[in-house]
Amino acid sequence: MKSITVFSTMAIDNFYDINGTFLRQRKGGPAFYIRQALEDLAVTYDLKIAKTMKVDITVNGKDESGFIKSRPVQKKIYTDLRQDVIIVSTILNEWELVPSKSLLFVDIQGYARFYRQQKIQRKIKFTTRILDSIAAIKATSEEACQMEIQTLEKMKRKQLIITRGSGNITVWAESRAYEIPVQPVYDLPDSVGAGDTWFSAYVSYVIVNNFFPVNAANAATLYTRNFLERKKIYEGK
């Protein structure tokens, strides 16, 4: 079985409504949801976490927006020959990507959020050696706009996942695009954690179950829908 190592971050999430009224506090961060999904799917993994961060999340009834109150302490991802696969999902840029002989599966969310929060206007850019190490990138349609065209085109020849909230997902694999239908889950308290849950499941199905990307994406979408249905029941109270 291939070895999976996760580099991610825990958070304390404080939720507010659009008027600034405090709603609730929960454990969160990508590492929280990645761990939850991998354990639920019975996937063996090693988790490396950065310093816990504080996040303010505003819920407006349809989606959420977050502001990171903590300043990240950046650490370099460290690799060794025992790691076949590395999953990277950050809150900002607290984990610095490095070239690796391992296959990197990267959720671009934190790096894109760091650029937006710091009002950095240039596109997100990877060195050639890092980009050669990356097997798959996941980004929202907005985050994809923050990436260089050359990066997007190269990743389309590998694996590039573009998500659109409750809309359909586009998966590029070997230069071919596949549309993955998504059935929205209504009356959610929030959708926080859905992206990391989806990506964890996707990597699991690709690596552990040896699914082709489009089949892994369909399975991950169904798994995430079940995650959201549970969230509606247990967190909506």
Protein backbone atom coordinates (compact mmCIF):
# COMPACT_ATOMS: atom_id res chain seq x y z
CA MET A 1 0.00 0.00 0.00
CA LYS A 2 1.28 3.48 -0.84
CA SER A 3 2.34 5.76 1.99
CA ILE A 4 0.30 8.98 2.37
CA THR A 5 1.56 11.97 4.33
CA VAL A 6 -0.62 15.04 4.94
CA PHE A 7 0.78 18.54 5.51
CA SER A 8 -2.02 20.73 6.78
CA THR A 9 -3.31 22.94 9.62
CA MET A 10 -5.92 22.86 12.38
CA ALA A 11 -8.01 25.92 13.23
CA ILE A 12 -10.43 27.36 15.72
CA ASP A 13 -13.35 28.58 13.62
CA ASN A 14 -15.58 31.37 14.96
CA PHE A 15 -18.81 31.77 13.00
CA TYR A 16 -20.73 35.06 12.64
CA ASP A 17 -23.82 36.12 10.72
CA ILE A 18 -23.75 39.01 8.23
CA ASN A 19 -24.56 41.45 11.05
CA GLY A 20 -21.49 40.38 13.01
CA THR A 21 -23.42 38.42 15.63
CA PHE A 22 -21.44 35.50 17.03
CA LEU A 23 -23.06 32.16 16.20
CA ARG A 24 -20.75 29.34 17.32
CA GLN A 25 -17.20 28.14 17.68
CA ARG A 26 -15.96 24.84 16.27
CA LYS A 27 -12.75 22.95 15.68
CA GLY A 28 -11.81 23.21 12.03
CA GLY A 29 -9.08 23.85 9.53
CA PRO A 30 -8.30 21.60 6.57
CA ALA A 31 -6.39 19.11 8.75
CA PHE A 32 -9.50 18.51 10.87
CA TYR A 33 -11.62 17.50 7.88
CA ILE A 34 -8.85 15.62 6.06
CA ARG A 35 -8.20 13.51 9.16
CA GLN A 36 -11.90 12.87 9.58
CA ALA A 37 -12.33 11.72 5.98
CA LEU A 38 -9.22 9.54 5.79
CA GLU A 39 -10.09 7.77 9.03
CA ASP A 40 -13.67 7.26 7.89
CA LEU A 41 -12.36 5.74 4.64
CA ALA A 42 -9.92 3.54 6.61
CA VAL A 43 -6.89 5.07 4.90
CA THR A 44 -3.54 4.87 6.69
CA TYR A 45 -1.77 8.24 6.77
CA ASP A 46 0.75 10.37 8.62
CA LEU A 47 -0.40 13.89 9.58
CA LYS A 48 2.01 16.82 9.90
CA ILE A 49 0.33 19.96 11.21
CA ALA A 50 1.39 23.58 11.46
CA LYS A 51 0.52 25.89 14.35
CA THR A 52 -3.23 26.08 15.00
CA MET A 53 -4.75 29.24 13.52
CA LYS A 54 -7.81 31.35 14.35
CA VAL A 55 -10.37 31.98 11.62
CA ASP A 56 -13.43 34.26 11.59
CA ILE A 57 -16.11 32.96 9.22
CA THR A 58 -19.10 35.01 8.11
CA VAL A 59 -22.13 32.98 7.02
CA ASN A 60 -24.61 34.75 4.76
CA GLY A 61 -27.08 31.94 4.16
CA LYS A 62 -25.66 30.82 0.80
CA ASP A 63 -21.93 30.64 1.34
CA GLU A 64 -19.16 31.71 3.72
CA SER A 65 -16.23 34.08 3.73
CA GLY A 66 -13.31 33.79 6.09
CA PHE A 67 -10.68 36.08 7.54
CA ILE A 68 -7.54 34.60 9.07
CA LYS A 69 -6.70 36.36 12.33
CA SER A 70 -3.47 34.45 12.96
CA ARG A 71 -0.15 35.20 11.30
CA PRO A 72 1.24 32.00 9.77
CA VAL A 73 4.54 30.56 10.88
CA GLN A 74 5.88 29.18 7.61
CA LYS A 75 7.49 25.76 7.56
CA LYS A 76 8.94 23.83 4.65
CA ILE A 77 7.33 20.57 3.67
CA TYR A 78 9.90 17.88 4.33
CA THR A 79 10.02 14.76 2.26
CA ASP A 80 11.73 11.39 2.38
CA LEU A 81 11.79 8.22 0.33
CA ARG A 82 9.09 6.60 2.48
CA GLN A 83 6.44 9.04 1.29
CA ASP A 84 4.74 7.91 -1.91
CA VAL A 85 2.00 10.54 -1.79
CA ILE A 86 1.80 13.93 -0.09
CA ILE A 87 -1.46 15.85 0.39
CA VAL A 88 -1.07 19.58 0.97
CA SER A 89 -3.97 21.75 2.13
CA THR A 90 -3.29 25.00 3.98
CA ILE A 91 -5.12 27.93 5.53
CA LEU A 92 -2.65 30.51 4.19
CA ASN A 93 0.94 29.82 3.11
CA GLU A 94 2.11 28.16 6.32
CA TRP A 95 3.50 25.15 4.44
CA GLU A 96 6.11 25.99 1.77
CA LEU A 97 6.02 23.64 -1.21
CA VAL A 98 9.32 22.02 -2.18
CA PRO A 99 10.34 19.70 -5.04
CA SER A 100 9.73 16.10 -4.15
CA LYS A 101 10.04 12.59 -5.49
CA SER A 102 6.66 11.95 -3.87
CA LEU A 103 3.45 12.68 -5.76
CA LEU A 104 2.07 16.00 -4.53
CA PHE A 105 -1.71 16.49 -4.38
CA VAL A 106 -2.22 20.19 -3.67
CA ASP A 107 -5.34 22.13 -2.72
CA ILE A 108 -4.44 25.67 -3.76
CA GLN A 109 -6.97 27.30 -1.40
CA GLY A 110 -4.55 28.59 1.24
CA TYR A 111 -2.00 30.03 -1.16
CA ALA A 112 -4.76 31.80 -3.10
CA ARG A 113 -6.28 33.11 0.15
CA PHE A 114 -2.87 34.43 1.25
CA TYR A 115 -2.53 36.39 -2.01
CA ARG A 116 -6.03 37.85 -1.63
CA GLN A 117 -5.64 38.72 2.05
CA GLN A 118 -2.25 40.35 1.43
CA LYS A 119 -3.62 42.10 -1.69
CA ILE A 120 -0.86 40.58 -3.83
CA GLN A 121 -1.75 41.24 -7.47
CA ARG A 122 0.62 38.84 -9.25
CA LYS A 123 -0.34 35.30 -10.23
CA ILE A 124 0.54 32.29 -8.10
CA LYS A 125 3.66 30.74 -9.57
CA PHE A 126 5.52 27.49 -8.93
CA THR A 127 9.07 26.66 -9.90
CA THR A 128 9.46 24.11 -12.69
CA ARG A 129 10.82 21.53 -10.24
CA ILE A 130 7.84 21.92 -7.88
CA LEU A 131 5.35 21.84 -10.74
CA ASP A 132 6.96 18.64 -12.03
CA SER A 133 6.35 17.11 -8.57
CA ILE A 134 2.66 17.99 -8.48
CA ALA A 135 0.32 15.21 -9.60
CA ALA A 136 -2.93 17.10 -9.04
CA ILE A 137 -4.16 20.57 -8.13
CA LYS A 138 -7.60 21.40 -6.76
CA ALA A 139 -8.89 24.97 -6.99
CA THR A 140 -12.18 26.81 -7.03
CA SER A 141 -12.97 28.65 -10.26
CA GLU A 142 -12.00 31.92 -8.51
CA GLU A 143 -8.71 30.46 -7.25
CA ALA A 144 -7.89 29.15 -10.72
CA CYS A 145 -8.01 32.74 -11.97
CA GLN A 146 -5.15 33.54 -9.58
CA MET A 147 -2.91 30.92 -11.20
CA GLU A 148 -0.71 31.29 -14.25
CA ILE A 149 -2.17 30.03 -17.52
CA GLN A 150 0.96 27.93 -18.09
CA THR A 151 0.39 26.16 -14.77
CA LEU A 152 -3.26 25.44 -15.56
CA GLU A 153 -2.40 24.10 -19.01
CA LYS A 154 0.33 21.84 -17.63
CA MET A 155 -1.94 20.50 -14.88
CA LYS A 156 -4.67 19.72 -17.41
CA ARG A 157 -2.27 17.15 -18.82
CA LYS A 158 -1.99 15.65 -15.32
CA GLN A 159 -4.95 16.21 -12.95
CA LEU A 160 -6.66 19.57 -12.47
CA ILE A 161 -9.87 19.86 -10.45
CA ILE A 162 -11.99 23.01 -10.66
CA THR A 163 -14.84 23.27 -8.15
CA ARG A 164 -17.75 25.71 -8.16
CA GLY A 165 -19.33 25.49 -4.72
CA SER A 166 -22.64 23.69 -5.14
CA GLY A 167 -22.16 23.71 -8.93
CA ASN A 168 -20.66 21.03 -11.14
CA ILE A 169 -16.99 20.06 -10.85
CA THR A 170 -14.63 19.95 -13.83
CA VAL A 171 -11.90 17.33 -13.70
CA TRP A 172 -9.09 17.49 -16.23
CA ALA A 173 -7.17 14.24 -16.64
CA GLU A 174 -4.69 13.49 -19.41
CA SER A 175 -5.80 16.61 -21.34
CA ARG A 176 -9.49 15.67 -21.30
CA ALA A 177 -12.19 17.49 -19.35
CA TYR A 178 -14.95 15.66 -17.48
CA GLU A 179 -17.98 17.33 -15.92
CA ILE A 180 -19.00 15.87 -12.56
CA PRO A 181 -22.61 16.68 -11.57
CA VAL A 182 -23.19 17.91 -8.03
CA GLN A 183 -26.54 17.69 -6.29
CA PRO A 184 -26.81 20.59 -3.84
CA VAL A 185 -27.67 19.98 -0.20
CA TYR A 186 -30.12 22.60 1.02
CA ASP A 187 -30.63 24.19 4.46
CA LEU A 188 -27.04 23.72 5.55
CA PRO A 189 -25.72 25.64 8.57
CA ASP A 190 -22.54 26.09 6.49
CA SER A 191 -20.48 24.14 3.97
CA VAL A 192 -17.12 24.51 5.74
CA GLY A 193 -15.01 21.39 5.30
CA ALA A 194 -16.69 20.19 2.12
CA GLY A 195 -13.70 20.98 -0.11
CA ASP A 196 -11.16 19.23 2.09
CA THR A 197 -13.50 16.28 2.56
CA TRP A 198 -13.90 15.99 -1.21
CA PHE A 199 -10.18 16.26 -1.91
CA SER A 200 -9.28 13.71 0.77
CA ALA A 201 -11.78 11.25 -0.64
CA TYR A 202 -10.59 11.93 -4.20
CA VAL A 203 -6.95 11.24 -3.35
CA SER A 204 -7.98 8.12 -1.43
CA TYR A 205 -9.92 6.72 -4.38
CA VAL A 206 -7.13 7.54 -6.84
CA ILE A 207 -4.25 6.23 -4.72
CA VAL A 208 -5.73 3.49 -2.54
CA ASN A 209 -8.48 2.21 -4.83
CA ASN A 210 -6.61 2.96 -8.09
CA PHE A 211 -9.65 4.72 -9.59
CA PHE A 212 -9.28 6.74 -12.79
CA PRO A 213 -9.70 10.46 -11.88
CA VAL A 214 -13.24 10.81 -13.24
CA ASN A 215 -14.40 7.75 -11.28
CA ALA A 216 -12.62 9.01 -8.17
CA ALA A 217 -14.29 12.41 -8.59
CA ASN A 218 -17.74 10.88 -8.85
CA ALA A 219 -17.15 8.74 -5.76
CA ALA A 220 -15.72 11.71 -3.83
CA THR A 221 -18.74 13.83 -4.78
CA LEU A 222 -21.13 11.22 -3.40
CA TYR A 223 -19.02 10.89 -0.24
CA THR A 224 -19.06 14.67 0.27
CA ARG A 225 -22.80 14.85 -0.20
CA ASN A 226 -23.15 12.34 2.65
CA PHE A 227 -20.76 14.48 4.72
CA LEU A 228 -22.96 17.54 4.14
CA GLU A 229 -26.13 15.62 4.97
CA ARG A 230 -24.56 14.63 8.30
CA LYS A 231 -23.48 18.22 8.88
CA LYS A 232 -27.06 19.39 8.35
CA ILE A 233 -28.29 16.96 10.99
CA TYR A 234 -25.61 17.33 13.66
CA GLU A 235 -24.25 20.85 13.21
CA GLY A 236 -27.50 22.49 12.24
CA LYS A 237 -28.90 22.14 15.71
